Amino acid sequence: MLSREVSLQESLPVLIITSEVSGVIRAALDAMGGDNAPAEIIAGGLLAVNELPDLQLFLVGPQDVLEKHLAGKSFPAERVKMVHAPEVIGADEAPVLAVRRKKDSSMMKAIMMVHDGEADVMLSAGNTGALMAGSLLITGRLEGVERPALTVVAPTFQGGNVVLLDMGANMDAKAEHLLHYGLMGKIYAREVLGKKNPSVALLNVGQERIKGSEQVKKAYSLMQDYLPGFAGNVEAREVLYGAADVVICDGFAGNIMLKAIEGVAAGIFATLKEAFTASVFTKLAAAVLLPALKKARAKLDYAEYGGAPLLGVAGACIKCHGSSEARAIRSAIVTQAYRYVLHDVGGQIRQEMAGLAKSHA
C-alpha cells in the first residue's frame, strides 16, 4: 500500500499539512503522556505504523518537540502527521481541573480528535484520572452504559490472557453495572483477543453463590439470567491460572487486585535477581537458568498488551501503562487500538446494550 519511507527533513511539510489517507484506521497518540514521553512514545508509534500498512498515526504534542524527536527517523510520511498541542497534563495534576484548564493539552486534543471524527481511536500513557474524566466529558458514554470500566488484559501462567474489569474507573458499582461490565468484557475478549466463546466470572471471596456482599450476590443472579457464558464466582488466586476468560469486579477491588499482582510479580523477579547475583556460584547457576527465566518473565510482561481500553465511552480511548516504553506503545496500538476499531467494539457494545434493555423491559 503506502510503503515509501522518507526522513523528517524530506517530508516535514507533508507531515504538517496533508489530506486524510482513505481506507485506513486513524490513531491519535498523546506523545507527551507517560514517564518515558516523548521519545519512547513516538518510537512505539513509529513501530506500529511501519508494521500496519493501513494505519494512519497522528502524533499529538508541541510541534517543536515532535519535530526534534522525529528528526533523522524514517517512516511512511503519508501516514504520519503531527498535531500541535502546546500544553501537557502532568501525572500529579488533579484530573478534573486539568481537563478544564488545559484544553490545548496533548491528551485533550487527542480525545477531541476522536469526538470530532478526525481519529478513530486515541491512546495515552498519561494521567489516568484526566483521561477518564476527559473521555467522559468530551465523548460521553455509549447509550445504556451508566459506568464505563477500565479494562486490563493480564497474562496468565499458561501463556494465555484474561480480561479484567473494572480496574479503577469506579470505586463503587451497582449489581447492574457489574452485569454491564460482563457484557462489555465478553465482547472485547471475543473481538479483540479472538476468544470465540469467552467465559465470564465474578470476582468473589469464594466460589459458592451464597458468598460475598449483597451487591455481588445480586450481580450473580443478573449474570446468570442475562449473560450467556457466565461461569460463576472465581477467587483472586485463580484469576491468573485462566479460571475464566473475563473476570468482573468493582473498581475498588479490581485496582487492589491489579496492584497486588504487579507488586508480587516485581518482588519475585527482584528477589530472584538478588539471589542469583549473591555469589560466583549463584551467578553460574543463573547463567544456566537464564533462558528459562526470560521465558517466564515474558509470560507476565504487560508490554505484550500495552493498553487498557475504557469500555463504555462513546469514543475509543486506550490507557497505556505510565511506564510504557516503545514496545508497549507498539503493542497497545497493534493489539488493542487497531483491533478495537477494526471490529467496531463500540458499535457492538451499543447493540448489545440495546438488546439488554429490551430484555429488561
Foldseek 3Di string as FASTA:
>chain_A
DQQDKDACVVQVVCQADHDDDPPAAEEEEACAAFPDGNQQLVLLVQVQCNVDVRYAYEYEEAPVVVSVNRGPDMHRSNRYHYDHQYDADAQPDDQVVCVVPRCSHRLNVRLLCLLVVVHQEYEHQHHPSNNLVSLCVRQNFQPLQPFWAWWAWFFAQVLHTAIEIRAARFQDDALVNQLLVQVLRQLCCCQQVVDPQWAEAEEFQDQDLVGDDPRSNVNQVVCVVQPPRYDGYDYLVCRRVCPTRYYTDGNNVNNVSVVVVVVVLVVVVVVLVCQLPVDPVSVVVCVVCVVVVVVSVVSGDSLQQFWIWRPGRNGTYTHGHNNDGSSSSNNVVPRPVRSCSVRVSNVVSSVVSVVVVVVVD
